Amino acid sequence: MDQFFFAQKAFIVDSGRLLLVQKSEQDPHNPGKWEVPGGRMQFGEDVNVHLKREVKEEVGIEIEPGRPFFIWQWQLERKSEEGLVRMQIVAAARLCTPLSLDLDETNRVDDDWLGEMRWVDLEEIGSYDFIPNMLPVIREFISVHGK
């Protein structure tokens, strides 16, 4: 079965820092790797409402979604009860402004497999071990904002 998804990732910047989230050690695909908040959009969901929801679920803060700065894609294969599922995800990375800074993990969804949250100085972003599908957008973010 083939599936197509649209996703958004929130690059939340405050005072020279970017908010990162780490996958938990129990994550079946990328344990311990880092990314930014965001995820797949639900059918019929408004793009701004979607990104605000994802950020609230994953890190507990309110944001103002900003402009997209990068679009990329990747493919995954997963086994399911119905057989092999092939997924293609197209994602937009958006610069976002935090409206609050107090991180809170109480609204997380179990199958997001999230662990630690951390505000990281822009100069240190390149030293983190990111999920492989995040590497193109991280490189673009660093080239524009990490100086």
N, C-alpha and C. Protein backbone atom coordinates (compact mmCIF):
# COMPACT_ATOMS: atom_id res chain seq x y z
N MET A 1 0.83 -1.17 0.00
CA MET A 1 0.00 0.00 0.00
C MET A 1 0.89 1.25 0.00
N ASP A 2 0.55 2.23 -0.82
CA ASP A 2 1.28 3.48 -0.89
C ASP A 2 0.47 4.58 -0.23
N GLN A 3 1.15 5.43 0.54
CA GLN A 3 0.49 6.54 1.22
C GLN A 3 1.31 7.81 1.01
N PHE A 4 0.61 8.94 0.98
CA PHE A 4 1.25 10.23 0.82
C PHE A 4 0.84 11.13 1.98
N PHE A 5 1.81 11.86 2.55
CA PHE A 5 1.55 12.76 3.66
C PHE A 5 2.21 14.11 3.42
N PHE A 6 1.61 15.13 4.01
CA PHE A 6 2.23 16.45 4.09
C PHE A 6 2.55 16.70 5.55
N ALA A 7 3.74 17.21 5.82
CA ALA A 7 4.16 17.48 7.19
C ALA A 7 4.74 18.89 7.27
N GLN A 8 4.79 19.39 8.50
CA GLN A 8 5.44 20.68 8.75
C GLN A 8 6.35 20.53 9.96
N LYS A 9 7.45 21.27 9.93
CA LYS A 9 8.39 21.31 11.04
C LYS A 9 8.56 22.76 11.47
N ALA A 10 8.52 22.97 12.78
CA ALA A 10 8.59 24.32 13.35
C ALA A 10 10.02 24.60 13.82
N PHE A 11 10.66 25.55 13.18
CA PHE A 11 11.97 26.02 13.61
C PHE A 11 11.72 27.24 14.49
N ILE A 12 11.63 26.98 15.80
CA ILE A 12 11.26 27.99 16.78
C ILE A 12 12.54 28.61 17.32
N VAL A 13 12.72 29.88 17.03
CA VAL A 13 13.95 30.58 17.40
C VAL A 13 13.64 31.66 18.42
N ASP A 14 14.47 31.70 19.47
CA ASP A 14 14.33 32.73 20.50
C ASP A 14 15.71 33.06 21.07
N SER A 15 16.07 34.32 21.04
CA SER A 15 17.32 34.81 21.65
C SER A 15 18.54 34.01 21.20
N GLY A 16 18.64 33.74 19.90
CA GLY A 16 19.80 33.03 19.38
C GLY A 16 19.81 31.54 19.68
N ARG A 17 18.64 31.00 20.00
CA ARG A 17 18.53 29.56 20.29
C ARG A 17 17.41 28.94 19.46
N LEU A 18 17.57 27.65 19.14
CA LEU A 18 16.57 26.87 18.42
C LEU A 18 16.07 25.78 19.34
N LEU A 19 14.76 25.54 19.32
CA LEU A 19 14.18 24.49 20.16
C LEU A 19 14.28 23.14 19.44
N LEU A 20 14.97 22.19 20.08
CA LEU A 20 15.11 20.83 19.56
C LEU A 20 14.40 19.84 20.46
N VAL A 21 13.96 18.73 19.86
CA VAL A 21 13.39 17.62 20.62
C VAL A 21 14.14 16.34 20.25
N GLN A 22 14.32 15.49 21.22
CA GLN A 22 15.04 14.24 21.01
C GLN A 22 14.05 13.08 20.97
N LYS A 23 14.29 12.14 20.09
CA LYS A 23 13.50 10.92 20.08
C LYS A 23 13.91 10.09 21.30
N SER A 24 12.94 9.43 21.92
CA SER A 24 13.25 8.62 23.10
C SER A 24 14.07 7.40 22.70
N GLU A 25 14.69 6.78 23.68
CA GLU A 25 15.46 5.56 23.42
C GLU A 25 14.57 4.40 23.00
N GLN A 26 13.26 4.50 23.25
CA GLN A 26 12.31 3.46 22.85
C GLN A 26 11.80 3.63 21.42
N ASP A 27 12.15 4.73 20.77
CA ASP A 27 11.70 4.96 19.40
C ASP A 27 12.20 3.82 18.53
N PRO A 28 11.30 3.16 17.77
CA PRO A 28 11.71 2.00 16.97
C PRO A 28 12.56 2.33 15.74
N HIS A 29 12.63 3.61 15.36
CA HIS A 29 13.32 3.95 14.12
C HIS A 29 14.54 4.86 14.30
N ASN A 30 14.47 5.81 15.22
CA ASN A 30 15.56 6.78 15.38
C ASN A 30 15.84 7.07 16.85
N PRO A 31 16.11 6.05 17.64
CA PRO A 31 16.30 6.29 19.08
C PRO A 31 17.46 7.25 19.36
N GLY A 32 17.16 8.22 20.23
CA GLY A 32 18.19 9.15 20.67
C GLY A 32 18.55 10.25 19.68
N LYS A 33 17.97 10.25 18.50
CA LYS A 33 18.29 11.27 17.49
C LYS A 33 17.44 12.52 17.74
N TRP A 34 17.88 13.64 17.19
CA TRP A 34 17.24 14.93 17.41
C TRP A 34 16.47 15.41 16.19
N GLU A 35 15.49 16.29 16.43
CA GLU A 35 14.71 16.95 15.38
C GLU A 35 14.11 18.21 15.96
N VAL A 36 13.19 18.83 15.21
CA VAL A 36 12.44 19.97 15.72
C VAL A 36 10.98 19.55 15.80
N PRO A 37 10.16 20.28 16.56
CA PRO A 37 8.75 19.90 16.67
C PRO A 37 8.03 19.97 15.33
N GLY A 38 7.03 19.12 15.19
CA GLY A 38 6.19 19.11 13.99
C GLY A 38 5.83 17.70 13.62
N GLY A 39 5.03 17.57 12.58
CA GLY A 39 4.61 16.25 12.17
C GLY A 39 3.64 16.30 11.00
N ARG A 40 2.97 15.19 10.78
CA ARG A 40 2.08 15.04 9.64
C ARG A 40 0.74 15.73 9.87
N MET A 41 0.26 16.33 8.82
CA MET A 41 -1.00 17.05 8.85
C MET A 41 -2.17 16.08 8.69
N GLN A 42 -3.25 16.36 9.40
CA GLN A 42 -4.47 15.56 9.28
C GLN A 42 -5.33 16.12 8.14
N PHE A 43 -6.08 15.24 7.48
CA PHE A 43 -6.95 15.67 6.39
C PHE A 43 -7.90 16.76 6.87
N GLY A 44 -8.00 17.83 6.09
CA GLY A 44 -8.92 18.91 6.40
C GLY A 44 -8.40 19.94 7.39
N GLU A 45 -7.21 19.73 7.92
CA GLU A 45 -6.65 20.63 8.93
C GLU A 45 -6.04 21.87 8.26
N ASP A 46 -6.24 23.03 8.83
CA ASP A 46 -5.62 24.26 8.38
C ASP A 46 -4.13 24.20 8.67
N VAL A 47 -3.29 24.73 7.77
CA VAL A 47 -1.84 24.60 7.94
C VAL A 47 -1.33 25.29 9.21
N ASN A 48 -1.86 26.45 9.54
CA ASN A 48 -1.41 27.13 10.76
C ASN A 48 -1.91 26.42 12.02
N VAL A 49 -3.15 25.98 11.99
CA VAL A 49 -3.71 25.24 13.13
C VAL A 49 -2.92 23.95 13.33
N HIS A 50 -2.57 23.30 12.23
CA HIS A 50 -1.79 22.06 12.30
C HIS A 50 -0.47 22.27 13.03
N LEU A 51 0.29 23.26 12.61
CA LEU A 51 1.61 23.46 13.20
C LEU A 51 1.50 23.87 14.67
N LYS A 52 0.53 24.72 15.00
CA LYS A 52 0.32 25.10 16.40
C LYS A 52 -0.03 23.88 17.25
N ARG A 53 -0.87 22.99 16.71
CA ARG A 53 -1.26 21.77 17.44
C ARG A 53 -0.06 20.87 17.69
N GLU A 54 0.72 20.64 16.64
CA GLU A 54 1.89 19.76 16.77
C GLU A 54 2.86 20.30 17.83
N VAL A 55 3.13 21.60 17.80
CA VAL A 55 4.07 22.19 18.75
C VAL A 55 3.51 22.09 20.17
N LYS A 56 2.22 22.38 20.33
CA LYS A 56 1.61 22.31 21.66
C LYS A 56 1.68 20.88 22.21
N GLU A 57 1.40 19.87 21.36
CA GLU A 57 1.46 18.48 21.80
C GLU A 57 2.88 18.05 22.18
N GLU A 58 3.86 18.47 21.38
CA GLU A 58 5.22 17.96 21.56
C GLU A 58 6.03 18.70 22.61
N VAL A 59 5.87 20.03 22.71
CA VAL A 59 6.70 20.80 23.64
C VAL A 59 5.91 21.71 24.57
N GLY A 60 4.60 21.81 24.37
CA GLY A 60 3.74 22.53 25.31
C GLY A 60 3.74 24.03 25.22
N ILE A 61 4.27 24.61 24.13
CA ILE A 61 4.26 26.06 24.03
C ILE A 61 3.37 26.52 22.88
N GLU A 62 2.98 27.78 22.95
CA GLU A 62 2.22 28.43 21.88
C GLU A 62 3.22 29.11 20.95
N ILE A 63 2.90 29.09 19.65
CA ILE A 63 3.77 29.73 18.66
C ILE A 63 2.96 30.57 17.70
N GLU A 64 3.67 31.43 17.00
CA GLU A 64 3.13 32.13 15.84
C GLU A 64 3.87 31.55 14.63
N PRO A 65 3.16 30.76 13.78
CA PRO A 65 3.83 30.19 12.61
C PRO A 65 4.26 31.28 11.64
N GLY A 66 5.47 31.16 11.16
CA GLY A 66 6.00 32.13 10.21
C GLY A 66 6.12 31.55 8.82
N ARG A 67 6.97 32.17 8.05
CA ARG A 67 7.09 31.80 6.64
C ARG A 67 7.84 30.48 6.46
N PRO A 68 7.49 29.74 5.41
CA PRO A 68 8.28 28.55 5.08
C PRO A 68 9.63 28.98 4.53
N PHE A 69 10.67 28.19 4.82
CA PHE A 69 11.98 28.50 4.26
C PHE A 69 12.61 27.31 3.54
N PHE A 70 11.98 26.13 3.60
CA PHE A 70 12.56 24.97 2.93
C PHE A 70 11.47 23.92 2.74
N ILE A 71 11.51 23.25 1.60
CA ILE A 71 10.60 22.13 1.32
C ILE A 71 11.47 20.95 0.93
N TRP A 72 11.18 19.78 1.51
CA TRP A 72 11.94 18.58 1.19
C TRP A 72 11.03 17.37 1.31
N GLN A 73 11.57 16.21 0.94
CA GLN A 73 10.77 14.98 0.98
C GLN A 73 11.63 13.79 1.34
N TRP A 74 10.95 12.74 1.79
CA TRP A 74 11.62 11.47 2.06
C TRP A 74 10.60 10.36 1.95
N GLN A 75 11.10 9.14 1.91
CA GLN A 75 10.22 7.96 1.83
C GLN A 75 10.57 6.99 2.95
N LEU A 76 9.55 6.29 3.41
CA LEU A 76 9.70 5.28 4.46
C LEU A 76 8.97 4.01 4.05
N GLU A 77 9.42 2.91 4.59
CA GLU A 77 8.70 1.65 4.43
C GLU A 77 8.48 1.07 5.82
N ARG A 78 7.26 0.63 6.08
CA ARG A 78 6.93 0.03 7.37
C ARG A 78 6.09 -1.21 7.12
N LYS A 79 6.30 -2.21 7.95
CA LYS A 79 5.48 -3.41 7.87
C LYS A 79 4.24 -3.21 8.72
N SER A 80 3.10 -3.65 8.19
CA SER A 80 1.84 -3.58 8.93
C SER A 80 1.12 -4.91 8.80
N GLU A 81 -0.02 -5.03 9.45
CA GLU A 81 -0.81 -6.26 9.36
C GLU A 81 -1.29 -6.53 7.94
N GLU A 82 -1.44 -5.44 7.15
CA GLU A 82 -1.90 -5.58 5.76
C GLU A 82 -0.74 -5.82 4.79
N GLY A 83 0.49 -5.77 5.28
CA GLY A 83 1.66 -5.95 4.42
C GLY A 83 2.56 -4.73 4.48
N LEU A 84 3.36 -4.57 3.44
CA LEU A 84 4.31 -3.47 3.39
C LEU A 84 3.59 -2.16 3.06
N VAL A 85 3.87 -1.12 3.83
CA VAL A 85 3.32 0.20 3.59
C VAL A 85 4.47 1.12 3.19
N ARG A 86 4.35 1.71 2.01
CA ARG A 86 5.34 2.67 1.55
C ARG A 86 4.75 4.07 1.70
N MET A 87 5.52 4.95 2.36
CA MET A 87 5.03 6.30 2.60
C MET A 87 5.98 7.32 1.98
N GLN A 88 5.40 8.32 1.36
CA GLN A 88 6.16 9.47 0.90
C GLN A 88 5.66 10.67 1.69
N ILE A 89 6.60 11.43 2.26
CA ILE A 89 6.26 12.60 3.04
C ILE A 89 6.92 13.81 2.40
N VAL A 90 6.14 14.83 2.12
CA VAL A 90 6.64 16.12 1.67
C VAL A 90 6.44 17.06 2.85
N ALA A 91 7.50 17.81 3.18
CA ALA A 91 7.45 18.65 4.37
C ALA A 91 7.88 20.08 4.08
N ALA A 92 7.30 20.99 4.85
CA ALA A 92 7.68 22.39 4.80
C ALA A 92 8.26 22.76 6.17
N ALA A 93 9.41 23.41 6.15
CA ALA A 93 10.02 23.94 7.37
C ALA A 93 9.62 25.40 7.48
N ARG A 94 9.16 25.80 8.67
CA ARG A 94 8.71 27.17 8.87
C ARG A 94 9.41 27.81 10.06
N LEU A 95 9.83 29.05 9.89
CA LEU A 95 10.37 29.81 11.01
C LEU A 95 9.20 30.24 11.87
N CYS A 96 9.33 30.04 13.18
CA CYS A 96 8.23 30.33 14.09
C CYS A 96 8.71 31.15 15.28
N THR A 97 7.80 31.93 15.81
CA THR A 97 8.10 32.75 16.98
C THR A 97 7.38 32.15 18.18
N PRO A 98 8.10 31.92 19.28
CA PRO A 98 7.42 31.41 20.48
C PRO A 98 6.61 32.52 21.15
N LEU A 99 5.39 32.19 21.58
CA LEU A 99 4.57 33.12 22.35
C LEU A 99 4.66 32.81 23.83
N SER A 100 5.27 31.68 24.15
CA SER A 100 5.57 31.30 25.53
C SER A 100 6.86 30.49 25.49
N LEU A 101 7.54 30.37 26.62
CA LEU A 101 8.83 29.68 26.63
C LEU A 101 8.88 28.52 27.61
N ASP A 102 7.86 28.33 28.42
CA ASP A 102 7.85 27.28 29.44
C ASP A 102 7.50 25.94 28.80
N LEU A 103 8.52 25.11 28.59
CA LEU A 103 8.33 23.81 27.94
C LEU A 103 7.54 22.87 28.85
N ASP A 104 6.68 22.06 28.23
CA ASP A 104 5.80 21.16 28.98
C ASP A 104 5.51 19.94 28.11
N GLU A 105 5.76 18.76 28.65
CA GLU A 105 5.56 17.53 27.86
C GLU A 105 4.29 16.76 28.23
N THR A 106 3.35 17.38 28.94
CA THR A 106 2.18 16.65 29.44
C THR A 106 1.16 16.30 28.36
N ASN A 107 1.18 16.94 27.20
CA ASN A 107 0.19 16.66 26.15
C ASN A 107 0.72 15.79 25.03
N ARG A 108 1.84 15.13 25.24
CA ARG A 108 2.46 14.34 24.17
C ARG A 108 1.62 13.13 23.77
N VAL A 109 1.77 12.76 22.50
CA VAL A 109 1.13 11.57 21.95
C VAL A 109 2.13 10.43 22.07
N ASP A 110 1.70 9.28 22.59
CA ASP A 110 2.61 8.17 22.86
C ASP A 110 3.44 7.73 21.66
N ASP A 111 2.82 7.63 20.49
CA ASP A 111 3.57 7.10 19.35
C ASP A 111 4.47 8.14 18.67
N ASP A 112 4.61 9.33 19.28
CA ASP A 112 5.61 10.29 18.80
C ASP A 112 7.00 9.93 19.30
N TRP A 113 7.07 9.14 20.38
CA TRP A 113 8.34 8.65 20.92
C TRP A 113 9.32 9.78 21.24
N LEU A 114 8.86 10.80 21.94
CA LEU A 114 9.71 11.94 22.23
C LEU A 114 10.32 11.85 23.61
N GLY A 115 11.53 12.37 23.72
CA GLY A 115 12.25 12.42 24.98
C GLY A 115 12.51 13.86 25.38
N GLU A 116 13.77 14.19 25.51
CA GLU A 116 14.20 15.50 26.00
C GLU A 116 13.86 16.63 25.03
N MET A 117 13.63 17.83 25.59
CA MET A 117 13.46 19.07 24.82
C MET A 117 14.58 20.00 25.26
N ARG A 118 15.10 20.78 24.32
CA ARG A 118 16.23 21.62 24.69
C ARG A 118 16.33 22.84 23.78
N TRP A 119 16.51 24.02 24.39
CA TRP A 119 16.86 25.22 23.64
C TRP A 119 18.37 25.16 23.39
N VAL A 120 18.79 25.24 22.12
CA VAL A 120 20.18 25.06 21.74
C VAL A 120 20.70 26.33 21.06
N ASP A 121 21.86 26.80 21.50
CA ASP A 121 22.49 27.95 20.84
C ASP A 121 22.71 27.63 19.37
N LEU A 122 22.44 28.60 18.51
CA LEU A 122 22.54 28.37 17.06
C LEU A 122 23.91 27.86 16.64
N GLU A 123 24.96 28.28 17.34
CA GLU A 123 26.31 27.84 16.98
C GLU A 123 26.54 26.36 17.29
N GLU A 124 25.71 25.76 18.13
CA GLU A 124 25.91 24.38 18.54
C GLU A 124 25.06 23.37 17.77
N ILE A 125 24.18 23.83 16.92
CA ILE A 125 23.23 22.94 16.24
C ILE A 125 23.95 21.85 15.45
N GLY A 126 25.04 22.19 14.79
CA GLY A 126 25.76 21.23 13.96
C GLY A 126 26.36 20.07 14.72
N SER A 127 26.45 20.16 16.03
CA SER A 127 27.04 19.08 16.82
C SER A 127 26.01 18.04 17.26
N TYR A 128 24.73 18.23 16.91
CA TYR A 128 23.68 17.29 17.32
C TYR A 128 23.50 16.20 16.27
N ASP A 129 23.09 15.02 16.74
CA ASP A 129 22.87 13.86 15.88
C ASP A 129 21.39 13.84 15.47
N PHE A 130 21.10 14.34 14.25
CA PHE A 130 19.73 14.48 13.79
C PHE A 130 19.22 13.23 13.08
N ILE A 131 17.91 13.08 13.08
CA ILE A 131 17.24 12.06 12.27
C ILE A 131 17.68 12.26 10.83
N PRO A 132 18.02 11.20 10.11
CA PRO A 132 18.55 11.36 8.75
C PRO A 132 17.67 12.21 7.83
N ASN A 133 16.35 12.06 7.88
CA ASN A 133 15.52 12.84 6.96
C ASN A 133 15.49 14.33 7.31
N MET A 134 16.03 14.72 8.47
CA MET A 134 16.10 16.13 8.85
C MET A 134 17.38 16.81 8.35
N LEU A 135 18.36 16.05 7.90
CA LEU A 135 19.66 16.62 7.55
C LEU A 135 19.60 17.71 6.46
N PRO A 136 18.83 17.54 5.38
CA PRO A 136 18.80 18.62 4.37
C PRO A 136 18.28 19.94 4.93
N VAL A 137 17.24 19.90 5.73
CA VAL A 137 16.66 21.13 6.25
C VAL A 137 17.55 21.73 7.35
N ILE A 138 18.21 20.90 8.13
CA ILE A 138 19.13 21.42 9.15
C ILE A 138 20.30 22.14 8.49
N ARG A 139 20.83 21.56 7.41
CA ARG A 139 21.93 22.21 6.67
C ARG A 139 21.48 23.58 6.15
N GLU A 140 20.26 23.64 5.59
CA GLU A 140 19.74 24.91 5.08
C GLU A 140 19.55 25.91 6.20
N PHE A 141 19.00 25.47 7.33
CA PHE A 141 18.79 26.37 8.46
C PHE A 141 20.13 26.93 8.96
N ILE A 142 21.12 26.06 9.10
CA ILE A 142 22.44 26.50 9.57
C ILE A 142 23.07 27.48 8.60
N SER A 143 22.93 27.22 7.29
CA SER A 143 23.55 28.12 6.30
C SER A 143 22.94 29.51 6.33
N VAL A 144 21.68 29.61 6.71
CA VAL A 144 21.01 30.90 6.73
C VAL A 144 21.04 31.54 8.13
N HIS A 145 20.85 30.74 9.18
CA HIS A 145 20.65 31.29 10.52
C HIS A 145 21.73 30.93 11.54
N GLY A 146 22.56 29.95 11.23
CA GLY A 146 23.49 29.46 12.24
C GLY A 146 24.80 30.18 12.32
N LYS A 147 24.91 31.33 11.73
CA LYS A 147 26.19 32.05 11.71
C LYS A 147 26.31 32.99 12.88
